[in-house]
Amino acid sequence: MILAAGRGERMRPLTDNTPKPLLTVGGKSLIVWHLERLASAGFTEVIINHAHLGSQIESALGNGSQWGLSVQYSPEPTALETAGGIAQALPLLGYSPFVVVNGDTYTEFDFSTIRHALVAPSLAHLIMADNPVQHTEGDFAYQNGQLLVTGAPKLTFSGVGVYQPSLFANIERGQPAKLAPILRVAIEQHLVSASHYQGVWHDIGTPKRLADLDQQLTARA
């Protein structure tokens, strides 16, 4: 599942007329970079949620066949936050563990490495990244492949994770719900494993970050 429902307030005015995942870096939209990497990792089915200007996302991506994917959409009248959006899409996601990635990030993470990362009894396996300059305090402590709410070192959640559907079972469909509180409960119960990814990852939170990444990718190309 690619999360693509956010309004992108910090990216305005760019997102006034374009949904954030369709913003372009290195000649491709952010969400297309994800689709290409998911396809190359062997994934075949992708669910995309959307709210703000969602029809543009459907028009741009279609059914996903150009990437060898089957893409379905989970529209939200208003954005339901991360956990709420996932819960809304559960009928499409099915009963097996599934991978989720934030549509407003850029990463060169190899998604094939996460396909079998979730091992029972864990409810989630998160990919953690080094703390960026705009988030130096990190999110969760990472120790020996597990996450802790407190401790050190703290790393930043990359937005890439694999989840058991049961993690979202108590969320009422159609209601907004944030992911962080749900994860904290599971982490306190020692039910969240993790990996430390030290490759390329960018949280595209401002127009400047988008422009800087575009310049980097264009120069590298």
C-alpha atoms as a PDB file:
ATOM      1  CA  MET A   1       0.000   0.000   0.000  1.00  0.00           C
ATOM      2  CA  ILE A   2       1.234   3.478  -0.891  1.00  0.00           C
ATOM      3  CA  LEU A   3      -0.103   6.245   1.337  1.00  0.00           C
ATOM      4  CA  ALA A   4      -1.079   9.165  -0.882  1.00  0.00           C
ATOM      5  CA  ALA A   5      -3.971  10.909   0.885  1.00  0.00           C
ATOM      6  CA  GLY A   6      -2.190  13.745   2.665  1.00  0.00           C
ATOM      7  CA  ARG A   7      -2.844  17.398   1.845  1.00  0.00           C
ATOM      8  CA  GLY A   8       0.829  18.396   1.925  1.00  0.00           C
ATOM      9  CA  GLU A   9       0.288  21.698   3.711  1.00  0.00           C
ATOM     10  CA  ARG A  10       4.015  22.366   4.138  1.00  0.00           C
ATOM     11  CA  MET A  11       4.508  21.914   0.388  1.00  0.00           C
ATOM     12  CA  ARG A  12       2.111  24.686  -0.583  1.00  0.00           C
ATOM     13  CA  PRO A  13       1.733  26.300  -3.050  1.00  0.00           C
ATOM     14  CA  LEU A  14       3.054  23.279  -5.003  1.00  0.00           C
ATOM     15  CA  THR A  15       0.301  21.059  -3.632  1.00  0.00           C
ATOM     16  CA  ASP A  16      -2.535  23.509  -4.227  1.00  0.00           C
ATOM     17  CA  ASN A  17      -3.071  22.031  -7.684  1.00  0.00           C
ATOM     18  CA  THR A  18      -1.009  18.825  -7.568  1.00  0.00           C
ATOM     19  CA  PRO A  19      -1.208  16.010  -5.009  1.00  0.00           C
ATOM     20  CA  LYS A  20       2.112  15.676  -3.200  1.00  0.00           C
ATOM     21  CA  PRO A  21       2.952  12.132  -4.469  1.00  0.00           C
ATOM     22  CA  LEU A  22       2.746  13.423  -8.059  1.00  0.00           C
ATOM     23  CA  LEU A  23       5.410  16.073  -7.497  1.00  0.00           C
ATOM     24  CA  THR A  24       8.428  15.366  -9.686  1.00  0.00           C
ATOM     25  CA  VAL A  25      12.059  14.681  -8.793  1.00  0.00           C
ATOM     26  CA  GLY A  26      14.663  13.444 -11.237  1.00  0.00           C
ATOM     27  CA  GLY A  27      12.141  13.377 -14.062  1.00  0.00           C
ATOM     28  CA  LYS A  28       9.568  11.156 -12.320  1.00  0.00           C
ATOM     29  CA  SER A  29       6.862  11.682  -9.745  1.00  0.00           C
ATOM     30  CA  LEU A  30       7.599  10.514  -6.212  1.00  0.00           C
ATOM     31  CA  ILE A  31       4.965   7.796  -6.400  1.00  0.00           C
ATOM     32  CA  VAL A  32       6.271   6.456  -9.726  1.00  0.00           C
ATOM     33  CA  TRP A  33       9.710   5.926  -8.153  1.00  0.00           C
ATOM     34  CA  HIS A  34       7.950   3.735  -5.553  1.00  0.00           C
ATOM     35  CA  LEU A  35       5.933   1.823  -8.145  1.00  0.00           C
ATOM     36  CA  GLU A  36       9.027   1.042 -10.177  1.00  0.00           C
ATOM     37  CA  ARG A  37      10.940  -0.204  -7.159  1.00  0.00           C
ATOM     38  CA  LEU A  38       8.010  -2.277  -5.882  1.00  0.00           C
ATOM     39  CA  ALA A  39       7.636  -3.887  -9.307  1.00  0.00           C
ATOM     40  CA  SER A  40      11.363  -4.656  -9.539  1.00  0.00           C
ATOM     41  CA  ALA A  41      11.174  -6.244  -6.069  1.00  0.00           C
ATOM     42  CA  GLY A  42       8.534  -8.694  -7.282  1.00  0.00           C
ATOM     43  CA  PHE A  43       5.364  -7.110  -5.944  1.00  0.00           C
ATOM     44  CA  THR A  44       2.353  -7.341  -8.248  1.00  0.00           C
ATOM     45  CA  GLU A  45      -0.568  -5.794  -6.351  1.00  0.00           C
ATOM     46  CA  VAL A  46      -0.587  -2.235  -4.998  1.00  0.00           C
ATOM     47  CA  ILE A  47      -3.300  -0.347  -3.123  1.00  0.00           C
ATOM     48  CA  ILE A  48      -3.134   3.471  -3.167  1.00  0.00           C
ATOM     49  CA  ASN A  49      -5.294   5.620  -0.917  1.00  0.00           C
ATOM     50  CA  HIS A  50      -6.036   9.201  -1.830  1.00  0.00           C
ATOM     51  CA  ALA A  51      -8.100  12.208  -0.782  1.00  0.00           C
ATOM     52  CA  HIS A  52      -6.755  15.611  -1.872  1.00  0.00           C
ATOM     53  CA  LEU A  53      -6.954  15.808  -5.701  1.00  0.00           C
ATOM     54  CA  GLY A  54      -7.178  12.035  -5.773  1.00  0.00           C
ATOM     55  CA  SER A  55      -8.627  11.902  -9.272  1.00  0.00           C
ATOM     56  CA  GLN A  56      -5.304  13.210 -10.578  1.00  0.00           C
ATOM     57  CA  ILE A  57      -3.527  10.237  -9.013  1.00  0.00           C
ATOM     58  CA  GLU A  58      -5.915   7.770 -10.646  1.00  0.00           C
ATOM     59  CA  SER A  59      -5.605   9.518 -14.021  1.00  0.00           C
ATOM     60  CA  ALA A  60      -1.816   9.563 -13.859  1.00  0.00           C
ATOM     61  CA  LEU A  61      -1.305   5.957 -12.735  1.00  0.00           C
ATOM     62  CA  GLY A  62      -4.295   4.112 -14.139  1.00  0.00           C
ATOM     63  CA  ASN A  63      -4.435   0.404 -13.347  1.00  0.00           C
ATOM     64  CA  GLY A  64      -0.651   0.125 -13.002  1.00  0.00           C
ATOM     65  CA  SER A  65      -0.193  -2.102 -16.039  1.00  0.00           C
ATOM     66  CA  GLN A  66       2.623   0.027 -17.462  1.00  0.00           C
ATOM     67  CA  TRP A  67       4.752  -1.115 -14.505  1.00  0.00           C
ATOM     68  CA  GLY A  68       3.491  -4.689 -14.583  1.00  0.00           C
ATOM     69  CA  LEU A  69       1.353  -4.003 -11.514  1.00  0.00           C
ATOM     70  CA  SER A  70      -2.294  -4.259 -10.606  1.00  0.00           C
ATOM     71  CA  VAL A  71      -3.201  -0.978  -8.889  1.00  0.00           C
ATOM     72  CA  GLN A  72      -6.426  -0.466  -6.944  1.00  0.00           C
ATOM     73  CA  TYR A  73      -7.516   2.682  -5.140  1.00  0.00           C
ATOM     74  CA  SER A  74      -8.951   3.372  -1.714  1.00  0.00           C
ATOM     75  CA  PRO A  75     -10.552   6.839  -1.927  1.00  0.00           C
ATOM     76  CA  GLU A  76     -11.170   8.862   1.229  1.00  0.00           C
ATOM     77  CA  PRO A  77     -13.620  11.817   1.233  1.00  0.00           C
ATOM     78  CA  THR A  78     -11.291  13.447   3.758  1.00  0.00           C
ATOM     79  CA  ALA A  79      -7.867  12.143   4.752  1.00  0.00           C
ATOM     80  CA  LEU A  80      -8.137   9.562   7.546  1.00  0.00           C
ATOM     81  CA  GLU A  81      -4.525   9.779   8.815  1.00  0.00           C
ATOM     82  CA  THR A  82      -2.148   6.846   8.361  1.00  0.00           C
ATOM     83  CA  ALA A  83      -3.771   4.166  10.519  1.00  0.00           C
ATOM     84  CA  GLY A  84      -7.277   5.241   9.511  1.00  0.00           C
ATOM     85  CA  GLY A  85      -6.342   5.033   5.841  1.00  0.00           C
ATOM     86  CA  ILE A  86      -4.864   1.580   6.279  1.00  0.00           C
ATOM     87  CA  ALA A  87      -7.921   0.374   8.205  1.00  0.00           C
ATOM     88  CA  GLN A  88     -10.185   1.736   5.459  1.00  0.00           C
ATOM     89  CA  ALA A  89      -8.225  -0.266   2.872  1.00  0.00           C
ATOM     90  CA  LEU A  90      -8.143  -3.583   4.784  1.00  0.00           C
ATOM     91  CA  PRO A  91     -10.827  -5.211   2.573  1.00  0.00           C
ATOM     92  CA  LEU A  92      -8.491  -4.628  -0.386  1.00  0.00           C
ATOM     93  CA  LEU A  93      -5.319  -5.587   1.499  1.00  0.00           C
ATOM     94  CA  GLY A  94      -6.591  -8.974   2.625  1.00  0.00           C
ATOM     95  CA  TYR A  95      -5.618 -11.168   5.568  1.00  0.00           C
ATOM     96  CA  SER A  96      -1.876 -11.571   5.066  1.00  0.00           C
ATOM     97  CA  PRO A  97       0.906  -9.183   6.120  1.00  0.00           C
ATOM     98  CA  PHE A  98       1.339  -6.249   3.752  1.00  0.00           C
ATOM     99  CA  VAL A  99       3.973  -3.612   3.034  1.00  0.00           C
ATOM    100  CA  VAL A 100       3.197   0.099   3.408  1.00  0.00           C
ATOM    101  CA  VAL A 101       5.267   3.041   2.161  1.00  0.00           C
ATOM    102  CA  ASN A 102       4.651   6.759   2.467  1.00  0.00           C
ATOM    103  CA  GLY A 103       3.947   8.283  -0.927  1.00  0.00           C
ATOM    104  CA  ASP A 104       5.696  11.544  -0.070  1.00  0.00           C
ATOM    105  CA  THR A 105       9.161  10.060   0.486  1.00  0.00           C
ATOM    106  CA  TYR A 106      11.992   9.136  -1.836  1.00  0.00           C
ATOM    107  CA  THR A 107      14.067   6.067  -1.080  1.00  0.00           C
ATOM    108  CA  GLU A 108      16.310   3.609  -2.868  1.00  0.00           C
ATOM    109  CA  PHE A 109      15.384   0.895  -0.374  1.00  0.00           C
ATOM    110  CA  ASP A 110      15.236  -2.628  -1.817  1.00  0.00           C
ATOM    111  CA  PHE A 111      11.650  -3.663  -1.104  1.00  0.00           C
ATOM    112  CA  SER A 112      12.472  -7.329  -1.779  1.00  0.00           C
ATOM    113  CA  THR A 113      14.296  -7.413   1.576  1.00  0.00           C
ATOM    114  CA  ILE A 114      11.105  -6.739   3.516  1.00  0.00           C
ATOM    115  CA  ARG A 115       8.894  -9.382   1.929  1.00  0.00           C
ATOM    116  CA  HIS A 116       9.539 -11.912   4.712  1.00  0.00           C
ATOM    117  CA  ALA A 117      10.719  -9.568   7.446  1.00  0.00           C
ATOM    118  CA  LEU A 118       7.680  -9.909   9.688  1.00  0.00           C
ATOM    119  CA  VAL A 119       7.994 -12.931  11.962  1.00  0.00           C
ATOM    120  CA  ALA A 120       5.329 -13.937  14.487  1.00  0.00           C
ATOM    121  CA  PRO A 121       4.453 -12.861  17.094  1.00  0.00           C
ATOM    122  CA  SER A 122       5.489  -9.387  15.844  1.00  0.00           C
ATOM    123  CA  LEU A 123       2.646  -7.210  14.581  1.00  0.00           C
ATOM    124  CA  ALA A 124       4.895  -4.866  12.602  1.00  0.00           C
ATOM    125  CA  HIS A 125       8.387  -4.618  11.176  1.00  0.00           C
ATOM    126  CA  LEU A 126       9.585  -1.059  10.567  1.00  0.00           C
ATOM    127  CA  ILE A 127      12.443   0.219   8.458  1.00  0.00           C
ATOM    128  CA  MET A 128      14.317   2.825  10.455  1.00  0.00           C
ATOM    129  CA  ALA A 129      16.603   5.465   8.951  1.00  0.00           C
ATOM    130  CA  ASP A 130      19.333   7.751  10.256  1.00  0.00           C
ATOM    131  CA  ASN A 131      17.874  10.928  11.728  1.00  0.00           C
ATOM    132  CA  PRO A 132      17.653  13.741   9.149  1.00  0.00           C
ATOM    133  CA  VAL A 133      18.651  17.289  10.044  1.00  0.00           C
ATOM    134  CA  GLN A 134      15.012  18.301  10.448  1.00  0.00           C
ATOM    135  CA  HIS A 135      14.278  15.454  12.902  1.00  0.00           C
ATOM    136  CA  THR A 136      17.423  14.925  14.954  1.00  0.00           C
ATOM    137  CA  GLU A 137      15.606  13.500  17.995  1.00  0.00           C
ATOM    138  CA  GLY A 138      14.380  10.438  16.094  1.00  0.00           C
ATOM    139  CA  ASP A 139      11.226   8.417  16.766  1.00  0.00           C
ATOM    140  CA  PHE A 140      11.992   5.113  18.510  1.00  0.00           C
ATOM    141  CA  ALA A 141      14.976   3.453  20.126  1.00  0.00           C
ATOM    142  CA  TYR A 142      16.490   0.640  18.072  1.00  0.00           C
ATOM    143  CA  GLN A 143      18.252  -2.226  19.825  1.00  0.00           C
ATOM    144  CA  ASN A 144      19.054  -5.720  18.542  1.00  0.00           C
ATOM    145  CA  GLY A 145      16.386  -5.716  15.849  1.00  0.00           C
ATOM    146  CA  GLN A 146      13.624  -4.509  18.160  1.00  0.00           C
ATOM    147  CA  LEU A 147      12.079  -1.110  18.849  1.00  0.00           C
ATOM    148  CA  LEU A 148      11.696   0.490  22.267  1.00  0.00           C
ATOM    149  CA  VAL A 149       9.723   3.596  23.186  1.00  0.00           C
ATOM    150  CA  THR A 150      12.591   4.865  25.342  1.00  0.00           C
ATOM    151  CA  GLY A 151      16.336   4.367  25.186  1.00  0.00           C
ATOM    152  CA  ALA A 152      19.104   4.998  22.702  1.00  0.00           C
ATOM    153  CA  PRO A 153      20.047   5.241  19.950  1.00  0.00           C
ATOM    154  CA  LYS A 154      16.851   6.669  18.537  1.00  0.00           C
ATOM    155  CA  LEU A 155      16.269   6.430  14.797  1.00  0.00           C
ATOM    156  CA  THR A 156      13.630   7.884  12.476  1.00  0.00           C
ATOM    157  CA  PHE A 157      10.820   5.781  11.036  1.00  0.00           C
ATOM    158  CA  SER A 158      11.255   5.843   7.261  1.00  0.00           C
ATOM    159  CA  GLY A 159       7.582   5.307   6.478  1.00  0.00           C
ATOM    160  CA  VAL A 160       8.336   1.821   5.129  1.00  0.00           C
ATOM    161  CA  GLY A 161       6.902  -1.037   7.157  1.00  0.00           C
ATOM    162  CA  VAL A 162       5.184  -4.387   6.995  1.00  0.00           C
ATOM    163  CA  TYR A 163       2.115  -4.998   9.140  1.00  0.00           C
ATOM    164  CA  GLN A 164      -0.228  -7.700  10.298  1.00  0.00           C
ATOM    165  CA  PRO A 165      -3.844  -6.728   9.525  1.00  0.00           C
ATOM    166  CA  SER A 166      -4.728  -7.455  13.152  1.00  0.00           C
ATOM    167  CA  LEU A 167      -2.759  -4.350  14.227  1.00  0.00           C
ATOM    168  CA  PHE A 168      -5.626  -2.256  12.794  1.00  0.00           C
ATOM    169  CA  ALA A 169      -8.529  -4.479  13.820  1.00  0.00           C
ATOM    170  CA  ASN A 170      -9.849  -2.099  16.482  1.00  0.00           C
ATOM    171  CA  ILE A 171      -9.954   0.980  14.239  1.00  0.00           C
ATOM    172  CA  GLU A 172     -13.418   1.897  13.038  1.00  0.00           C
ATOM    173  CA  ARG A 173     -13.450   2.131   9.266  1.00  0.00           C
ATOM    174  CA  GLY A 174     -14.001   5.633   7.983  1.00  0.00           C
ATOM    175  CA  GLN A 175     -12.652   7.259  11.153  1.00  0.00           C
ATOM    176  CA  PRO A 176      -9.336   9.147  11.347  1.00  0.00           C
ATOM    177  CA  ALA A 177      -6.612   7.400  13.334  1.00  0.00           C
ATOM    178  CA  LYS A 178      -2.919   8.107  13.724  1.00  0.00           C
ATOM    179  CA  LEU A 179      -0.338   5.336  13.438  1.00  0.00           C
ATOM    180  CA  ALA A 180       2.131   6.440  16.127  1.00  0.00           C
ATOM    181  CA  PRO A 181      -0.083   5.714  19.180  1.00  0.00           C
ATOM    182  CA  ILE A 182      -0.907   2.241  17.853  1.00  0.00           C
ATOM    183  CA  LEU A 183       2.756   1.509  17.246  1.00  0.00           C
ATOM    184  CA  ARG A 184       3.737   2.704  20.709  1.00  0.00           C
ATOM    185  CA  VAL A 185       1.327   0.247  22.330  1.00  0.00           C
ATOM    186  CA  ALA A 186       2.688  -2.606  20.212  1.00  0.00           C
ATOM    187  CA  ILE A 187       6.294  -1.535  20.916  1.00  0.00           C
ATOM    188  CA  GLU A 188       5.633  -1.533  24.675  1.00  0.00           C
ATOM    189  CA  GLN A 189       4.382  -5.104  24.258  1.00  0.00           C
ATOM    190  CA  HIS A 190       7.620  -6.010  22.386  1.00  0.00           C
ATOM    191  CA  LEU A 191       5.647  -6.782  19.227  1.00  0.00           C
ATOM    192  CA  VAL A 192       7.510  -4.533  16.765  1.00  0.00           C
ATOM    193  CA  SER A 193      10.743  -5.587  15.085  1.00  0.00           C
ATOM    194  CA  ALA A 194      12.881  -3.338  12.918  1.00  0.00           C
ATOM    195  CA  SER A 195      15.823  -2.985  10.557  1.00  0.00           C
ATOM    196  CA  HIS A 196      18.244  -0.074  10.236  1.00  0.00           C
ATOM    197  CA  TYR A 197      18.424   1.112   6.626  1.00  0.00           C
ATOM    198  CA  GLN A 198      21.426   3.336   5.952  1.00  0.00           C
ATOM    199  CA  GLY A 199      20.893   3.983   2.256  1.00  0.00           C
ATOM    200  CA  VAL A 200      19.236   6.848   0.391  1.00  0.00           C
ATOM    201  CA  TRP A 201      16.059   8.117   2.032  1.00  0.00           C
ATOM    202  CA  HIS A 202      14.466  11.563   1.957  1.00  0.00           C
ATOM    203  CA  ASP A 203      11.359  12.901   3.679  1.00  0.00           C
ATOM    204  CA  ILE A 204      10.060  15.446   1.167  1.00  0.00           C
ATOM    205  CA  GLY A 205       8.508  17.894   3.601  1.00  0.00           C
ATOM    206  CA  THR A 206       9.219  21.291   2.034  1.00  0.00           C
ATOM    207  CA  PRO A 207       9.593  22.755  -1.471  1.00  0.00           C
ATOM    208  CA  LYS A 208      13.310  23.287  -0.775  1.00  0.00           C
ATOM    209  CA  ARG A 209      13.864  19.623   0.060  1.00  0.00           C
ATOM    210  CA  LEU A 210      12.055  18.693  -3.141  1.00  0.00           C
ATOM    211  CA  ALA A 211      14.201  21.081  -5.201  1.00  0.00           C
ATOM    212  CA  ASP A 212      17.417  19.889  -3.550  1.00  0.00           C
ATOM    213  CA  LEU A 213      16.613  16.237  -4.236  1.00  0.00           C
ATOM    214  CA  ASP A 214      15.615  17.028  -7.824  1.00  0.00           C
ATOM    215  CA  GLN A 215      18.975  18.712  -8.347  1.00  0.00           C
ATOM    216  CA  GLN A 216      20.837  15.725  -6.868  1.00  0.00           C
ATOM    217  CA  LEU A 217      19.015  13.145  -8.980  1.00  0.00           C
ATOM    218  CA  THR A 218      19.307  15.227 -12.140  1.00  0.00           C
ATOM    219  CA  ALA A 219      23.042  15.715 -11.624  1.00  0.00           C
ATOM    220  CA  ARG A 220      23.534  11.985 -10.980  1.00  0.00           C
ATOM    221  CA  ALA A 221      21.571  11.061 -14.106  1.00  0.00           C
END
